[in-house]
């Protein structure tokens, strides 16, 4: 069994990023930023509500039985 807090946030896939270039003190710099259309992370509670197979829920965490 694995215990996961119900309010932990996560992404289902890696976020889409883009490189943003700007000039600072006459020097060209770049930084990696999230794309504007990137979805917000889900909480584990939201994820379990969207799945077709319900997970057993406790008041402070969600327990998932792991095989193996």
PDB file of N, CA and C in Angstrom:
ATOM      1  N   UNK A   1       0.827  -1.178   0.000  1.00  0.00           N
ATOM      2  CA  UNK A   1       0.000   0.000   0.000  1.00  0.00           C
ATOM      3  C   UNK A   1       0.873   1.243   0.000  1.00  0.00           C
ATOM      4  N   UNK A   2       0.384   2.263  -0.681  1.00  0.00           N
ATOM      5  CA  UNK A   2       1.049   3.555  -0.715  1.00  0.00           C
ATOM      6  C   UNK A   2       0.051   4.595  -0.235  1.00  0.00           C
ATOM      7  N   UNK A   3       0.467   5.479   0.625  1.00  0.00           N
ATOM      8  CA  UNK A   3      -0.404   6.532   1.122  1.00  0.00           C
ATOM      9  C   UNK A   3      -0.009   7.845   0.455  1.00  0.00           C
ATOM     10  N   UNK A   4      -0.999   8.509  -0.150  1.00  0.00           N
ATOM     11  CA  UNK A   4      -0.760   9.769  -0.843  1.00  0.00           C
ATOM     12  C   UNK A   4      -1.709  10.819  -0.277  1.00  0.00           C
ATOM     13  N   UNK A   5      -1.214  11.992   0.136  1.00  0.00           N
ATOM     14  CA  UNK A   5      -2.113  13.035   0.621  1.00  0.00           C
ATOM     15  C   UNK A   5      -3.088  13.449  -0.483  1.00  0.00           C
ATOM     16  N   UNK A   6      -4.343  13.665  -0.133  1.00  0.00           N
ATOM     17  CA  UNK A   6      -5.352  13.966  -1.144  1.00  0.00           C
ATOM     18  C   UNK A   6      -5.163  15.339  -1.775  1.00  0.00           C
ATOM     19  N   UNK A   7      -4.427  16.247  -1.130  1.00  0.00           N
ATOM     20  CA  UNK A   7      -4.269  17.597  -1.667  1.00  0.00           C
ATOM     21  C   UNK A   7      -2.938  17.811  -2.391  1.00  0.00           C
ATOM     22  N   UNK A   8      -2.164  16.733  -2.631  1.00  0.00           N
ATOM     23  CA  UNK A   8      -0.907  16.873  -3.365  1.00  0.00           C
ATOM     24  C   UNK A   8      -1.219  17.167  -4.827  1.00  0.00           C
ATOM     25  N   UNK A   9      -0.444  18.061  -5.446  1.00  0.00           N
ATOM     26  CA  UNK A   9      -0.659  18.435  -6.843  1.00  0.00           C
ATOM     27  C   UNK A   9       0.349  17.729  -7.732  1.00  0.00           C
ATOM     28  N   UNK A  10      -0.090  17.373  -8.942  1.00  0.00           N
ATOM     29  CA  UNK A  10       0.812  16.740  -9.899  1.00  0.00           C
ATOM     30  C   UNK A  10       0.284  16.960 -11.310  1.00  0.00           C
ATOM     31  N   UNK A  11       1.148  16.759 -12.281  1.00  0.00           N
ATOM     32  CA  UNK A  11       0.777  16.836 -13.681  1.00  0.00           C
ATOM     33  C   UNK A  11       0.737  15.428 -14.250  1.00  0.00           C
ATOM     34  N   UNK A  12      -0.180  15.173 -15.174  1.00  0.00           N
ATOM     35  CA  UNK A  12      -0.274  13.851 -15.793  1.00  0.00           C
ATOM     36  C   UNK A  12       0.838  13.647 -16.818  1.00  0.00           C
ATOM     37  N   UNK A  13       1.415  14.723 -17.306  1.00  0.00           N
ATOM     38  CA  UNK A  13       2.531  14.666 -18.252  1.00  0.00           C
ATOM     39  C   UNK A  13       3.453  15.847 -17.969  1.00  0.00           C
ATOM     40  N   UNK A  14       4.670  15.809 -18.476  1.00  0.00           N
ATOM     41  CA  UNK A  14       5.575  16.940 -18.234  1.00  0.00           C
ATOM     42  C   UNK A  14       4.993  18.239 -18.802  1.00  0.00           C
ATOM     43  N   UNK A  15       5.241  19.368 -18.163  1.00  0.00           N
ATOM     44  CA  UNK A  15       4.674  20.628 -18.646  1.00  0.00           C
ATOM     45  C   UNK A  15       5.307  21.085 -19.960  1.00  0.00           C
ATOM     46  N   UNK A  16       4.533  21.805 -20.762  1.00  0.00           N
ATOM     47  CA  UNK A  16       5.029  22.379 -22.011  1.00  0.00           C
ATOM     48  C   UNK A  16       5.760  23.662 -21.659  1.00  0.00           C
ATOM     49  N   UNK A  17       7.001  23.771 -22.093  1.00  0.00           N
ATOM     50  CA  UNK A  17       7.806  24.952 -21.793  1.00  0.00           C
ATOM     51  C   UNK A  17       8.256  25.630 -23.086  1.00  0.00           C
ATOM     52  N   UNK A  18       8.664  26.865 -22.967  1.00  0.00           N
ATOM     53  CA  UNK A  18       9.238  27.590 -24.097  1.00  0.00           C
ATOM     54  C   UNK A  18      10.383  28.443 -23.578  1.00  0.00           C
ATOM     55  N   UNK A  19      11.289  28.806 -24.469  1.00  0.00           N
ATOM     56  CA  UNK A  19      12.425  29.635 -24.105  1.00  0.00           C
ATOM     57  C   UNK A  19      12.086  31.086 -24.402  1.00  0.00           C
ATOM     58  N   UNK A  20      12.264  31.935 -23.416  1.00  0.00           N
ATOM     59  CA  UNK A  20      11.980  33.364 -23.540  1.00  0.00           C
ATOM     60  C   UNK A  20      13.306  34.110 -23.473  1.00  0.00           C
ATOM     61  N   UNK A  21      13.604  34.892 -24.531  1.00  0.00           N
ATOM     62  CA  UNK A  21      14.835  35.683 -24.548  1.00  0.00           C
ATOM     63  C   UNK A  21      14.517  37.127 -24.241  1.00  0.00           C
ATOM     64  N   UNK A  22      15.412  37.768 -23.489  1.00  0.00           N
ATOM     65  CA  UNK A  22      15.244  39.170 -23.130  1.00  0.00           C
ATOM     66  C   UNK A  22      16.618  39.806 -22.986  1.00  0.00           C
ATOM     67  N   UNK A  23      16.628  41.141 -22.945  1.00  0.00           N
ATOM     68  CA  UNK A  23      17.891  41.880 -22.815  1.00  0.00           C
ATOM     69  C   UNK A  23      17.951  42.499 -21.425  1.00  0.00           C
ATOM     70  N   UNK A  24      19.067  42.250 -20.723  1.00  0.00           N
ATOM     71  CA  UNK A  24      19.289  42.785 -19.383  1.00  0.00           C
ATOM     72  C   UNK A  24      20.683  43.400 -19.358  1.00  0.00           C
ATOM     73  N   UNK A  25      20.764  44.694 -19.071  1.00  0.00           N
ATOM     74  CA  UNK A  25      22.040  45.429 -19.067  1.00  0.00           C
ATOM     75  C   UNK A  25      22.808  45.237 -20.372  1.00  0.00           C
ATOM     76  N   UNK A  26      22.081  45.258 -21.496  1.00  0.00           N
ATOM     77  CA  UNK A  26      22.719  45.121 -22.803  1.00  0.00           C
ATOM     78  C   UNK A  26      23.128  43.699 -23.148  1.00  0.00           C
ATOM     79  N   UNK A  27      22.818  42.758 -22.309  1.00  0.00           N
ATOM     80  CA  UNK A  27      23.202  41.360 -22.514  1.00  0.00           C
ATOM     81  C   UNK A  27      21.950  40.528 -22.804  1.00  0.00           C
ATOM     82  N   UNK A  28      22.014  39.699 -23.842  1.00  0.00           N
ATOM     83  CA  UNK A  28      20.882  38.839 -24.176  1.00  0.00           C
ATOM     84  C   UNK A  28      20.881  37.640 -23.238  1.00  0.00           C
ATOM     85  N   UNK A  29      19.759  37.442 -22.558  1.00  0.00           N
ATOM     86  CA  UNK A  29      19.603  36.309 -21.639  1.00  0.00           C
ATOM     87  C   UNK A  29      18.377  35.506 -22.041  1.00  0.00           C
ATOM     88  N   UNK A  30      18.309  34.295 -21.560  1.00  0.00           N
ATOM     89  CA  UNK A  30      17.124  33.474 -21.844  1.00  0.00           C
ATOM     90  C   UNK A  30      16.720  32.723 -20.587  1.00  0.00           C
ATOM     91  N   UNK A  31      15.439  32.406 -20.536  1.00  0.00           N
ATOM     92  CA  UNK A  31      14.918  31.624 -19.422  1.00  0.00           C
ATOM     93  C   UNK A  31      13.842  30.693 -19.956  1.00  0.00           C
ATOM     94  N   UNK A  32      13.641  29.592 -19.278  1.00  0.00           N
ATOM     95  CA  UNK A  32      12.603  28.637 -19.646  1.00  0.00           C
ATOM     96  C   UNK A  32      11.362  28.935 -18.813  1.00  0.00           C
ATOM     97  N   UNK A  33      10.234  29.104 -19.500  1.00  0.00           N
ATOM     98  CA  UNK A  33       8.978  29.416 -18.824  1.00  0.00           C
ATOM     99  C   UNK A  33       7.900  28.443 -19.280  1.00  0.00           C
ATOM    100  N   UNK A  34       6.841  28.328 -18.479  1.00  0.00           N
ATOM    101  CA  UNK A  34       5.709  27.498 -18.871  1.00  0.00           C
ATOM    102  C   UNK A  34       4.960  28.161 -20.010  1.00  0.00           C
ATOM    103  N   UNK A  35       4.471  27.349 -20.936  1.00  0.00           N
ATOM    104  CA  UNK A  35       3.667  27.870 -22.030  1.00  0.00           C
ATOM    105  C   UNK A  35       2.365  28.435 -21.472  1.00  0.00           C
ATOM    106  N   UNK A  36       1.814  29.432 -22.129  1.00  0.00           N
ATOM    107  CA  UNK A  36       0.613  30.096 -21.634  1.00  0.00           C
ATOM    108  C   UNK A  36      -0.604  29.182 -21.601  1.00  0.00           C
ATOM    109  N   UNK A  37      -0.664  28.223 -22.511  1.00  0.00           N
ATOM    110  CA  UNK A  37      -1.830  27.339 -22.571  1.00  0.00           C
ATOM    111  C   UNK A  37      -1.661  26.072 -21.730  1.00  0.00           C
ATOM    112  N   UNK A  38      -0.647  26.035 -20.886  1.00  0.00           N
ATOM    113  CA  UNK A  38      -0.407  24.850 -20.045  1.00  0.00           C
ATOM    114  C   UNK A  38      -1.496  24.712 -18.989  1.00  0.00           C
ATOM    115  N   UNK A  39      -1.955  23.482 -18.799  1.00  0.00           N
ATOM    116  CA  UNK A  39      -2.992  23.218 -17.803  1.00  0.00           C
ATOM    117  C   UNK A  39      -2.409  23.296 -16.395  1.00  0.00           C
ATOM    118  N   UNK A  40      -3.262  23.635 -15.446  1.00  0.00           N
ATOM    119  CA  UNK A  40      -2.865  23.682 -14.044  1.00  0.00           C
ATOM    120  C   UNK A  40      -2.757  22.260 -13.505  1.00  0.00           C
ATOM    121  N   UNK A  41      -1.903  22.025 -12.498  1.00  0.00           N
ATOM    122  CA  UNK A  41      -1.791  20.685 -11.930  1.00  0.00           C
ATOM    123  C   UNK A  41      -3.087  20.254 -11.238  1.00  0.00           C
ATOM    124  N   UNK A  42      -3.316  18.950 -11.227  1.00  0.00           N
ATOM    125  CA  UNK A  42      -4.466  18.367 -10.536  1.00  0.00           C
ATOM    126  C   UNK A  42      -4.082  17.993  -9.122  1.00  0.00           C
ATOM    127  N   UNK A  43      -5.051  18.000  -8.230  1.00  0.00           N
ATOM    128  CA  UNK A  43      -4.819  17.402  -6.925  1.00  0.00           C
ATOM    129  C   UNK A  43      -5.169  15.926  -7.060  1.00  0.00           C
ATOM    130  N   UNK A  44      -4.662  15.103  -6.176  1.00  0.00           N
ATOM    131  CA  UNK A  44      -4.940  13.675  -6.259  1.00  0.00           C
ATOM    132  C   UNK A  44      -6.431  13.412  -6.076  1.00  0.00           C
ATOM    133  N   UNK A  45      -7.087  14.234  -5.267  1.00  0.00           N
ATOM    134  CA  UNK A  45      -8.526  14.095  -5.058  1.00  0.00           C
ATOM    135  C   UNK A  45      -9.287  14.342  -6.369  1.00  0.00           C
ATOM    136  N   UNK A  46      -8.911  15.384  -7.136  1.00  0.00           N
ATOM    137  CA  UNK A  46      -9.541  15.649  -8.425  1.00  0.00           C
ATOM    138  C   UNK A  46      -9.299  14.500  -9.394  1.00  0.00           C
ATOM    139  N   UNK A  47      -8.077  13.976  -9.390  1.00  0.00           N
ATOM    140  CA  UNK A  47      -7.730  12.864 -10.272  1.00  0.00           C
ATOM    141  C   UNK A  47      -8.592  11.633  -9.991  1.00  0.00           C
ATOM    142  N   UNK A  48      -8.770  11.309  -8.723  1.00  0.00           N
ATOM    143  CA  UNK A  48      -9.553  10.117  -8.393  1.00  0.00           C
ATOM    144  C   UNK A  48     -11.018  10.291  -8.758  1.00  0.00           C
ATOM    145  N   UNK A  49     -11.519  11.511  -8.707  1.00  0.00           N
ATOM    146  CA  UNK A  49     -12.910  11.758  -9.095  1.00  0.00           C
ATOM    147  C   UNK A  49     -13.107  11.624 -10.601  1.00  0.00           C
ATOM    148  N   UNK A  50     -12.045  11.837 -11.385  1.00  0.00           N
ATOM    149  CA  UNK A  50     -12.138  11.763 -12.843  1.00  0.00           C
ATOM    150  C   UNK A  50     -11.910  10.356 -13.383  1.00  0.00           C
ATOM    151  N   UNK A  51     -11.419   9.450 -12.572  1.00  0.00           N
ATOM    152  CA  UNK A  51     -11.174   8.088 -13.038  1.00  0.00           C
ATOM    153  C   UNK A  51     -12.436   7.251 -12.898  1.00  0.00           C
ATOM    154  N   UNK A  52     -12.529   6.208 -13.725  1.00  0.00           N
ATOM    155  CA  UNK A  52     -13.722   5.365 -13.675  1.00  0.00           C
ATOM    156  C   UNK A  52     -13.673   4.362 -12.529  1.00  0.00           C
ATOM    157  N   UNK A  53     -12.470   4.001 -12.085  1.00  0.00           N
ATOM    158  CA  UNK A  53     -12.323   3.047 -10.989  1.00  0.00           C
ATOM    159  C   UNK A  53     -12.087   3.812  -9.684  1.00  0.00           C
ATOM    160  N   UNK A  54     -13.000   3.719  -8.725  1.00  0.00           N
ATOM    161  CA  UNK A  54     -12.826   4.477  -7.485  1.00  0.00           C
ATOM    162  C   UNK A  54     -11.676   3.946  -6.633  1.00  0.00           C
ATOM    163  N   UNK A  55     -11.031   4.845  -5.918  1.00  0.00           N
ATOM    164  CA  UNK A  55      -9.969   4.501  -4.986  1.00  0.00           C
ATOM    165  C   UNK A  55     -10.546   4.557  -3.571  1.00  0.00           C
ATOM    166  N   UNK A  56     -10.112   3.668  -2.685  1.00  0.00           N
ATOM    167  CA  UNK A  56     -10.561   3.772  -1.292  1.00  0.00           C
ATOM    168  C   UNK A  56      -9.982   5.046  -0.671  1.00  0.00           C
ATOM    169  N   UNK A  57     -10.825   5.863  -0.060  1.00  0.00           N
ATOM    170  CA  UNK A  57     -10.401   7.159   0.461  1.00  0.00           C
ATOM    171  C   UNK A  57     -10.504   7.189   1.971  1.00  0.00           C
ATOM    172  N   UNK A  58      -9.454   7.701   2.624  1.00  0.00           N
ATOM    173  CA  UNK A  58      -9.481   7.981   4.045  1.00  0.00           C
ATOM    174  C   UNK A  58      -9.623   9.489   4.200  1.00  0.00           C
ATOM    175  N   UNK A  59      -9.836   9.975   5.384  1.00  0.00           N
ATOM    176  CA  UNK A  59     -10.065  11.405   5.575  1.00  0.00           C
ATOM    177  C   UNK A  59      -8.830  12.251   5.302  1.00  0.00           C
ATOM    178  N   UNK A  60      -7.631  11.763   5.600  1.00  0.00           N
ATOM    179  CA  UNK A  60      -6.434  12.589   5.428  1.00  0.00           C
ATOM    180  C   UNK A  60      -5.526  12.129   4.304  1.00  0.00           C
ATOM    181  N   UNK A  61      -5.793  10.982   3.701  1.00  0.00           N
ATOM    182  CA  UNK A  61      -4.948  10.496   2.612  1.00  0.00           C
ATOM    183  C   UNK A  61      -5.708   9.479   1.788  1.00  0.00           C
ATOM    184  N   UNK A  62      -5.124   9.127   0.662  1.00  0.00           N
ATOM    185  CA  UNK A  62      -5.699   8.116  -0.218  1.00  0.00           C
ATOM    186  C   UNK A  62      -4.712   6.960  -0.268  1.00  0.00           C
ATOM    187  N   UNK A  63      -5.194   5.753  -0.079  1.00  0.00           N
ATOM    188  CA  UNK A  63      -4.320   4.579  -0.107  1.00  0.00           C
ATOM    189  C   UNK A  63      -4.577   3.807  -1.391  1.00  0.00           C
ATOM    190  N   UNK A  64      -3.503   3.430  -2.077  1.00  0.00           N
ATOM    191  CA  UNK A  64      -3.586   2.665  -3.306  1.00  0.00           C
ATOM    192  C   UNK A  64      -2.789   1.388  -3.112  1.00  0.00           C
ATOM    193  N   UNK A  65      -3.384   0.262  -3.439  1.00  0.00           N
ATOM    194  CA  UNK A  65      -2.671  -1.001  -3.316  1.00  0.00           C
ATOM    195  C   UNK A  65      -1.808  -1.179  -4.555  1.00  0.00           C
ATOM    196  N   UNK A  66      -0.501  -1.335  -4.361  1.00  0.00           N
ATOM    197  CA  UNK A  66       0.450  -1.493  -5.449  1.00  0.00           C
ATOM    198  C   UNK A  66       0.761  -2.977  -5.603  1.00  0.00           C
ATOM    199  N   UNK A  67       0.798  -3.460  -6.845  1.00  0.00           N
ATOM    200  CA  UNK A  67       1.145  -4.866  -7.067  1.00  0.00           C
ATOM    201  C   UNK A  67       2.656  -4.977  -7.199  1.00  0.00           C
ATOM    202  N   UNK A  68       3.172  -6.126  -6.833  1.00  0.00           N
ATOM    203  CA  UNK A  68       4.598  -6.332  -7.037  1.00  0.00           C
ATOM    204  C   UNK A  68       5.390  -6.608  -5.845  1.00  0.00           C
TER     205      UNK A  68
END
